[in-house]
Protein backbone atom coordinates (compact mmCIF):
# COMPACT_ATOMS: atom_id res chain seq x y z
CA MET A 1 3.04 16.72 72.55
CA THR A 2 2.95 13.15 73.82
CA ALA A 3 0.46 14.14 76.52
CA CYS A 4 -2.21 14.77 73.89
CA PHE A 5 -2.20 11.12 72.85
CA LYS A 6 -2.06 9.58 76.28
CA VAL A 7 -5.12 7.63 77.32
CA GLY A 8 -5.74 6.57 80.84
CA PRO A 9 -4.60 3.15 82.05
CA ASP A 10 -8.20 1.95 82.39
CA PHE A 11 -9.28 2.78 78.82
CA GLU A 12 -11.64 0.27 77.17
CA THR A 13 -12.82 0.42 73.56
CA PRO A 14 -16.57 1.15 73.53
CA GLU A 15 -18.85 -1.19 71.65
CA ALA A 16 -20.52 0.31 68.58
CA LYS A 17 -23.87 -1.15 67.73
CA VAL A 18 -24.04 -1.75 63.96
CA SER A 19 -27.04 -3.11 62.11
CA SER A 20 -26.57 -6.30 60.12
CA GLN A 21 -28.52 -4.82 57.15
CA TRP A 22 -29.37 -1.40 55.73
CA THR A 23 -31.70 0.55 57.94
CA GLU A 24 -33.77 1.58 54.90
CA ASN A 25 -34.20 -2.04 53.87
CA GLU A 26 -37.78 -2.13 55.15
CA ASP A 27 -38.77 1.16 53.46
CA SER A 28 -41.66 0.53 51.05
CA ALA A 29 -40.71 3.58 48.91
CA LEU A 30 -37.54 1.88 47.74
CA PRO A 31 -37.89 -0.48 44.76
CA GLU A 32 -37.07 -4.10 45.44
CA THR A 33 -35.67 -4.81 41.98
CA PRO A 34 -32.48 -3.16 40.77
CA PHE A 35 -32.84 -0.37 38.20
CA LYS A 36 -31.74 -1.55 34.76
CA SER A 37 -31.85 0.94 31.94
CA ASP A 38 -29.59 2.18 29.20
CA LYS A 39 -31.04 5.63 29.81
CA TRP A 40 -30.49 5.80 33.56
CA TRP A 41 -30.49 9.60 33.58
CA GLU A 42 -34.19 9.67 32.66
CA ALA A 43 -34.94 8.33 36.15
CA LEU A 44 -33.76 11.69 37.50
CA GLY A 45 -36.67 13.43 35.77
CA ASP A 46 -34.62 16.39 34.54
CA PRO A 47 -35.71 17.55 31.05
CA ALA A 48 -32.61 19.75 30.68
CA LEU A 49 -30.35 16.75 31.33
CA ASN A 50 -32.35 14.63 28.89
CA ARG A 51 -32.02 17.34 26.22
CA LEU A 52 -28.26 17.71 26.79
CA ILE A 53 -27.63 13.98 26.55
CA ASP A 54 -29.76 13.69 23.39
CA GLU A 55 -27.81 16.57 21.86
CA ALA A 56 -24.52 14.92 22.81
CA TYR A 57 -25.57 11.63 21.19
CA LYS A 58 -26.62 13.39 17.99
CA SER A 59 -23.46 15.49 17.65
CA ASN A 60 -20.90 12.80 18.53
CA TYR A 61 -19.42 10.49 15.92
CA SER A 62 -20.14 6.81 15.84
CA LEU A 63 -17.58 4.31 17.03
CA GLN A 64 -16.80 3.28 13.46
CA ILE A 65 -15.94 6.85 12.46
CA ALA A 66 -13.81 7.22 15.58
CA GLY A 67 -11.89 4.07 14.62
CA VAL A 68 -11.28 5.34 11.10
CA ARG A 69 -10.02 8.64 12.52
CA VAL A 70 -7.54 6.73 14.70
CA LEU A 71 -6.26 4.87 11.63
CA GLU A 72 -6.03 8.15 9.72
CA ALA A 73 -4.00 9.73 12.53
CA ARG A 74 -1.64 6.74 12.58
CA ALA A 75 -1.13 7.04 8.82
CA GLN A 76 -0.38 10.76 9.14
CA LEU A 77 2.10 9.99 11.91
CA GLY A 78 3.81 7.46 9.64
CA VAL A 79 4.13 10.08 6.89
CA ALA A 80 5.46 12.67 9.34
CA ILE A 81 8.05 10.25 10.71
CA GLY A 82 9.03 9.21 7.18
CA GLN A 83 9.72 12.82 6.25
CA SER A 84 12.48 13.03 8.86
CA TYR A 85 14.60 10.44 7.04
CA PRO A 86 16.63 11.10 3.86
CA GLN A 87 14.62 10.72 0.70
CA GLN A 88 15.83 9.20 -2.56
CA GLN A 89 14.03 9.73 -5.77
CA ALA A 90 14.93 7.98 -8.99
CA LEU A 91 15.12 10.30 -11.96
CA THR A 92 14.35 8.88 -15.35
CA GLY A 93 15.26 10.52 -18.61
CA ASP A 94 13.87 10.25 -22.06
CA TYR A 95 15.42 11.00 -25.42
CA THR A 96 13.81 11.06 -28.83
CA ALA A 97 15.56 11.63 -32.13
CA ALA A 98 13.76 12.32 -35.39
CA ARG A 99 15.11 13.00 -38.84
CA GLN A 100 13.63 13.65 -42.25
CA SER A 101 14.50 11.07 -44.84
CA PRO A 102 16.39 12.31 -47.91
CA ASN A 103 14.08 10.12 -49.99
CA SER A 104 11.09 12.08 -48.80
CA SER A 105 8.92 13.57 -51.46
CA THR A 106 8.57 16.83 -49.56
CA ALA A 107 11.02 19.45 -50.57
CA ILE A 108 10.08 21.75 -47.73
CA PRO A 109 12.19 21.20 -44.66
CA ILE A 110 10.23 20.47 -41.50
CA PRO A 111 11.38 22.55 -38.51
CA GLY A 112 13.04 20.47 -35.81
CA PHE A 113 13.97 17.60 -38.16
CA GLN A 114 17.40 16.98 -39.60
CA THR A 115 17.73 15.94 -43.22
CA LEU A 116 19.83 12.84 -43.73
CA ASN A 117 22.41 13.42 -46.39
CA SER A 118 24.11 10.21 -47.41
C-alpha cells in the first residue's frame, strides 16, 4: 500500500500558470456594473418562474401577521403549560331571605314567603 504513494527522489512540483484576473474580464457581453434588483429572478426571463413568485407573494402573509401569529402561539403555549398545574377556583355563595310582613294588607299568602307571626 505504501508503494502507491511513493514519488521518485527527483520529484519537483510543477508550476501552474494562473491568471491574475478572470479570463472573461475582457468579454464585452458581460455587464460592467453589478446587477441590483429586488426582482432578480426576472433577469432569468422565465415567465413560469415569474408567475410562481408572484403567486407566492400574493398567498403568503405579511410580516406583521406572522408576528401576531407568533405571539398567539406563545399565548397558547402559556395556557397549555398553565393547565398542567393544579387549579384553584374560589366559590362564592349567595343567600337571600324574604318574608311577608304580618302587617301586610294582603290576606293571600304569597308562595315562597314566610309570614312573620309575632
